[in-house]
């Protein structure tokens, strides 16, 4: 069966570089959520991109969210083995973006949470819509609010983009930011005040960047260049936070990122997420989340 592809638009900038804009979409759904079908479409679409790209922009067609997060009901329905496979597959797809041989940016126009923010942070840059005349939207990693933890690298990605103490404590508490706060904290590399300007700004940003040198992890995560800062931040965060299984999972994943690197931190996240979802606090929080608004 031929895999259904996501929309891709190719254009050439003033320097002659080809810029690809890939748009996440899920027809029939009000928001984009990450599930296995979307991951397979993204994987297949990324495999069709030209080899000589000068830039890549990740966008979303959903009005109400860039990506609202992962499909929690699907995650809770999987057995442990299946969930490990799913998380590993998602990481492989996200890595396709992180390893593209050109500058990359996510063009964020609305809500971006959990796995959606992790996906965006696999890009080099984040270009955000921050309109002072409209209600701010939510940005963050809320998993710990459900007594679980991120599963696609968020614990190691966010501290490389904003103050690491803020990043670690917000992730461990499951506290999302509003978009204007995210802007103040420096999460966005570029902001615009109109959605009409967003894709153009993202294309301009990637077009202005040098060709990246890729490593074994996304370009912006805990890495060799900032280990002392991250160690200090982790120490401060441990002093500020009250121990709990979901809090400890986040702190431990940050610690593994510092001591052992990206792939070990990812494995820590996956192991803790799979285990935490079976705990009573997580079951209660997730059931309350599902029943909200019923």
Protein backbone atom coordinates (compact mmCIF):
# COMPACT_ATOMS: atom_id res chain seq x y z
CA UNK A 1 0.00 0.00 0.00
CA UNK A 2 1.31 3.45 -0.89
CA UNK A 3 1.65 5.59 2.23
CA UNK A 4 -0.47 8.75 2.24
CA UNK A 5 1.92 11.71 2.21
CA UNK A 6 1.72 15.04 4.00
CA UNK A 7 1.61 18.23 1.91
CA UNK A 8 5.00 19.66 0.92
CA UNK A 9 5.55 22.96 -0.89
CA UNK A 10 8.91 23.67 -2.52
CA UNK A 11 10.08 27.18 -3.32
CA UNK A 12 13.33 28.89 -4.20
CA UNK A 13 14.64 31.85 -2.22
CA UNK A 14 16.61 34.84 -3.53
CA UNK A 15 19.87 32.92 -3.17
CA UNK A 16 18.57 30.04 -5.27
CA UNK A 17 18.20 27.66 -2.32
CA UNK A 18 15.24 25.29 -2.33
CA UNK A 19 13.11 25.59 0.82
CA UNK A 20 10.59 22.86 1.70
CA UNK A 21 7.52 23.59 3.82
CA UNK A 22 5.98 20.37 5.16
CA UNK A 23 2.52 20.80 6.67
CA UNK A 24 1.16 18.45 9.31
CA UNK A 25 -2.51 17.71 8.77
CA UNK A 26 -5.18 15.27 9.93
CA UNK A 27 -8.34 15.85 7.89
CA UNK A 28 -11.49 15.47 9.94
CA UNK A 29 -9.85 16.32 13.25
CA UNK A 30 -9.98 19.77 14.86
CA UNK A 31 -6.35 19.59 15.99
CA UNK A 32 -3.25 17.64 14.99
CA UNK A 33 -2.25 14.95 17.47
CA UNK A 34 0.66 12.57 17.18
CA UNK A 35 -0.40 9.00 16.57
CA UNK A 36 1.11 6.11 14.65
CA UNK A 37 -0.67 7.09 11.42
CA UNK A 38 0.73 10.64 11.52
CA UNK A 39 4.20 9.34 12.33
CA UNK A 40 4.09 6.97 9.36
CA UNK A 41 2.93 9.75 7.04
CA UNK A 42 5.67 12.05 8.35
CA UNK A 43 8.30 9.33 7.95
CA UNK A 44 7.24 8.62 4.39
CA UNK A 45 7.03 12.30 3.44
CA UNK A 46 10.45 13.15 4.86
CA UNK A 47 11.85 10.36 2.71
CA UNK A 48 10.66 12.13 -0.45
CA UNK A 49 12.42 15.45 0.20
CA UNK A 50 15.10 16.56 -2.29
CA UNK A 51 18.67 15.83 -1.22
CA UNK A 52 19.86 19.36 -1.99
CA UNK A 53 17.46 21.28 0.25
CA UNK A 54 18.62 24.69 1.43
CA UNK A 55 16.07 24.83 4.25
CA UNK A 56 13.12 23.02 5.83
CA UNK A 57 10.05 24.42 7.61
CA UNK A 58 7.61 22.31 9.64
CA UNK A 59 4.11 23.80 9.76
CA UNK A 60 0.59 22.70 10.72
CA UNK A 61 -2.76 23.17 9.03
CA UNK A 62 -4.90 22.89 12.19
CA UNK A 63 -6.43 26.19 13.27
CA UNK A 64 -6.58 25.41 16.98
CA UNK A 65 -3.13 23.93 17.52
CA UNK A 66 0.24 23.38 15.91
CA UNK A 67 0.26 19.94 17.55
CA UNK A 68 -1.84 19.36 20.66
CA UNK A 69 0.36 16.49 21.83
CA UNK A 70 0.42 12.73 21.50
CA UNK A 71 -2.72 10.59 21.38
CA UNK A 72 -2.91 9.70 25.07
CA UNK A 73 -5.78 7.22 24.64
CA UNK A 74 -3.72 5.21 22.17
CA UNK A 75 -0.72 5.31 24.49
CA UNK A 76 -2.76 4.06 27.44
CA UNK A 77 -4.27 1.26 25.33
CA UNK A 78 -0.89 -0.22 24.36
CA UNK A 79 0.87 -2.94 26.30
CA UNK A 80 4.38 -2.18 27.51
CA UNK A 81 6.14 -3.80 24.55
CA UNK A 82 3.95 -2.00 22.03
CA UNK A 83 4.46 1.34 23.76
CA UNK A 84 8.23 0.91 23.74
CA UNK A 85 8.07 0.17 20.00
CA UNK A 86 5.84 3.20 19.39
CA UNK A 87 8.10 5.57 21.34
CA UNK A 88 11.19 4.22 19.60
CA UNK A 89 9.54 4.63 16.20
CA UNK A 90 8.54 8.20 17.00
CA UNK A 91 12.10 8.99 18.04
CA UNK A 92 13.35 7.56 14.73
CA UNK A 93 10.94 9.78 12.77
CA UNK A 94 11.84 12.87 14.79
CA UNK A 95 15.52 12.08 14.18
CA UNK A 96 14.87 12.34 10.43
CA UNK A 97 14.15 16.04 10.97
CA UNK A 98 17.08 16.56 13.35
CA UNK A 99 19.46 14.99 10.82
CA UNK A 100 18.36 16.92 7.72
CA UNK A 101 21.47 18.42 6.06
CA UNK A 102 19.99 21.94 6.00
CA UNK A 103 18.72 24.51 8.52
CA UNK A 104 15.29 23.63 9.91
CA UNK A 105 12.55 25.56 11.72
CA UNK A 106 9.09 24.91 13.15
CA UNK A 107 6.48 27.56 12.32
CA UNK A 108 4.26 27.59 15.43
CA UNK A 109 0.94 29.41 15.22
CA UNK A 110 -1.00 27.98 18.16
CA UNK A 111 -1.06 25.40 20.95
CA UNK A 112 2.02 23.19 21.04
CA UNK A 113 2.21 20.69 23.88
CA UNK A 114 3.96 17.50 24.89
CA UNK A 115 5.07 15.44 21.93
CA UNK A 116 4.15 18.34 19.66
CA UNK A 117 6.70 20.60 21.32
CA UNK A 118 9.25 17.79 21.32
CA UNK A 119 8.71 17.38 17.58
CA UNK A 120 9.12 21.13 17.02
CA UNK A 121 12.28 21.21 19.13
CA UNK A 122 13.92 18.66 16.85
CA UNK A 123 14.15 21.60 14.44
CA UNK A 124 17.04 24.04 14.76
CA UNK A 125 14.80 27.08 15.22
CA UNK A 126 11.33 27.89 16.54
CA UNK A 127 9.41 30.69 14.83
CA UNK A 128 6.34 31.70 16.82
CA UNK A 129 3.18 33.69 16.35
CA UNK A 130 2.91 36.09 19.29
CA UNK A 131 0.04 38.49 18.69
CA UNK A 132 -0.52 40.97 21.55
CA UNK A 133 -4.10 41.47 20.36
CA UNK A 134 -5.19 37.85 20.73
CA UNK A 135 -5.37 35.39 23.61
CA UNK A 136 -2.02 33.65 24.21
CA UNK A 137 -1.85 29.93 23.50
CA UNK A 138 -0.25 27.17 25.58
CA UNK A 139 3.31 25.97 25.00
CA UNK A 140 5.03 23.32 27.09
CA UNK A 141 5.53 19.80 28.36
CA UNK A 142 2.51 19.02 30.58
CA UNK A 143 3.11 15.28 30.96
CA UNK A 144 4.19 15.48 34.60
CA UNK A 145 0.84 17.11 35.37
CA UNK A 146 -0.61 13.68 34.54
CA UNK A 147 2.04 12.04 36.77
CA UNK A 148 3.97 10.68 33.78
CA UNK A 149 6.93 12.18 31.91
CA UNK A 150 7.98 13.18 28.38
CA UNK A 151 8.99 10.37 26.04
CA UNK A 152 10.66 12.02 23.04
CA UNK A 153 13.49 14.00 24.56
CA UNK A 154 11.72 17.00 26.04
CA UNK A 155 13.65 16.79 29.30
CA UNK A 156 16.89 17.40 27.38
CA UNK A 157 15.58 19.69 24.65
CA UNK A 158 13.83 22.46 26.58
CA UNK A 159 16.79 23.31 28.88
CA UNK A 160 18.85 24.14 25.79
CA UNK A 161 16.33 26.78 24.65
CA UNK A 162 15.32 28.65 27.80
CA UNK A 163 16.85 29.12 31.25
CA UNK A 164 17.62 25.52 32.27
CA UNK A 165 16.32 25.88 35.84
CA UNK A 166 13.01 27.18 34.49
CA UNK A 167 12.92 24.42 31.89
CA UNK A 168 13.62 21.61 34.34
CA UNK A 169 11.21 22.82 37.03
CA UNK A 170 8.39 23.51 34.56
CA UNK A 171 8.83 20.08 32.99
CA UNK A 172 8.94 18.33 36.37
CA UNK A 173 5.79 20.16 37.46
CA UNK A 174 4.03 19.66 34.12
CA UNK A 175 3.47 23.40 33.88
CA UNK A 176 2.90 24.86 30.43
CA UNK A 177 3.74 28.44 29.47
CA UNK A 178 1.58 30.90 27.63
CA UNK A 179 3.00 31.96 24.28
CA UNK A 180 3.84 35.47 25.45
CA UNK A 181 5.72 34.03 28.45
CA UNK A 182 7.51 31.60 26.15
CA UNK A 183 8.60 34.56 24.06
CA UNK A 184 9.84 36.43 27.14
CA UNK A 185 11.83 33.34 28.19
CA UNK A 186 13.50 33.20 24.77
CA UNK A 187 11.93 30.03 23.44
CA UNK A 188 11.27 31.50 20.00
CA UNK A 189 14.14 32.45 17.71
CA UNK A 190 11.85 34.77 15.75
CA UNK A 191 8.32 36.00 16.38
CA UNK A 192 5.65 37.54 14.16
CA UNK A 193 2.36 39.19 15.08
CA UNK A 194 0.32 37.84 12.16
CA UNK A 195 -0.16 34.27 10.97
CA UNK A 196 0.12 35.53 7.42
CA UNK A 197 3.77 36.37 8.14
CA UNK A 198 4.67 33.11 9.87
CA UNK A 199 5.77 30.85 7.02
CA UNK A 200 7.63 33.68 5.31
CA UNK A 201 9.50 34.45 8.53
CA UNK A 202 10.39 30.78 9.00
CA UNK A 203 11.64 30.50 5.44
CA UNK A 204 13.69 33.66 5.89
CA UNK A 205 15.17 32.33 9.13
CA UNK A 206 16.31 29.01 7.66
CA UNK A 207 17.59 30.82 4.57
CA UNK A 208 19.81 33.04 6.72
CA UNK A 209 21.47 30.17 8.63
CA UNK A 210 24.74 28.46 7.84
CA UNK A 211 24.63 24.84 6.71
CA UNK A 212 24.59 22.87 9.96
CA UNK A 213 27.09 20.29 11.13
CA UNK A 214 24.97 17.41 12.37
CA UNK A 215 25.82 15.17 15.31
CA UNK A 216 24.16 12.29 17.11
CA UNK A 217 21.48 14.45 18.71
CA UNK A 218 19.27 17.43 17.82
CA UNK A 219 21.18 20.68 17.43
CA UNK A 220 19.65 22.22 20.56
CA UNK A 221 19.75 19.84 23.52
CA UNK A 222 21.87 19.13 26.58
CA UNK A 223 25.31 18.50 25.12
CA UNK A 224 29.03 18.72 25.76
CA UNK A 225 29.16 22.49 25.39
CA UNK A 226 26.90 23.31 28.34
CA UNK A 227 27.39 20.53 30.88
CA UNK A 228 28.57 22.74 33.75
CA UNK A 229 25.56 25.04 33.36
CA UNK A 230 23.22 22.05 33.21
CA UNK A 231 24.76 20.42 36.28
CA UNK A 232 24.27 23.62 38.25
CA UNK A 233 20.69 23.95 37.00
CA UNK A 234 19.86 20.36 37.89
CA UNK A 235 21.22 20.88 41.40
CA UNK A 236 19.08 24.01 41.88
CA UNK A 237 16.01 22.23 40.47
CA UNK A 238 16.47 19.26 42.82
CA UNK A 239 16.56 21.66 45.77
CA UNK A 240 13.37 23.41 44.61
CA UNK A 241 11.28 20.35 43.74
CA UNK A 242 9.56 17.88 46.04
CA UNK A 243 10.38 14.28 45.21
CA UNK A 244 7.68 12.22 43.47
CA UNK A 245 7.98 9.45 40.86
CA UNK A 246 7.15 11.74 37.89
CA UNK A 247 9.40 14.51 39.22
CA UNK A 248 12.26 12.08 39.77
CA UNK A 249 11.79 10.72 36.24
CA UNK A 250 12.34 14.17 34.75
CA UNK A 251 15.33 14.92 36.98
CA UNK A 252 16.89 11.54 36.26
CA UNK A 253 16.46 11.97 32.50
CA UNK A 254 18.20 15.35 32.71
CA UNK A 255 20.96 13.75 34.75
CA UNK A 256 21.43 10.96 32.22
CA UNK A 257 21.61 13.56 29.46
CA UNK A 258 24.39 15.33 31.32
CA UNK A 259 26.36 12.24 32.29
CA UNK A 260 25.73 9.84 29.42
CA UNK A 261 24.24 11.72 26.48
CA UNK A 262 21.14 11.97 24.35
CA UNK A 263 20.38 8.33 23.58
CA UNK A 264 20.65 7.26 27.23
CA UNK A 265 18.40 10.14 28.30
CA UNK A 266 15.82 9.09 25.68
CA UNK A 267 15.89 5.52 26.96
CA UNK A 268 15.40 6.78 30.51
CA UNK A 269 12.35 8.78 29.42
CA UNK A 270 10.84 5.81 27.63
CA UNK A 271 11.41 3.41 30.52
CA UNK A 272 9.94 5.81 33.07
CA UNK A 273 6.94 6.74 30.90
CA UNK A 274 6.05 3.09 30.32
CA UNK A 275 6.29 2.35 34.04
CA UNK A 276 4.68 5.53 35.38
CA UNK A 277 1.44 5.14 33.43
CA UNK A 278 0.65 2.05 35.54
CA UNK A 279 0.94 3.89 38.87
CA UNK A 280 -2.16 4.88 40.82
CA UNK A 281 -1.44 8.65 40.70
CA UNK A 282 -1.04 8.50 36.92
CA UNK A 283 -4.14 6.38 36.45
CA UNK A 284 -6.19 8.79 38.56
CA UNK A 285 -4.82 11.90 36.80
CA UNK A 286 -5.26 10.46 33.32
CA UNK A 287 -8.79 9.23 34.02
CA UNK A 288 -9.67 12.69 35.34
CA UNK A 289 -8.20 14.19 32.16
CA UNK A 290 -10.30 11.87 29.96
CA UNK A 291 -13.44 12.66 31.96
CA UNK A 292 -12.87 16.40 31.88
CA UNK A 293 -15.75 18.14 30.18
CA UNK A 294 -17.96 15.04 29.98
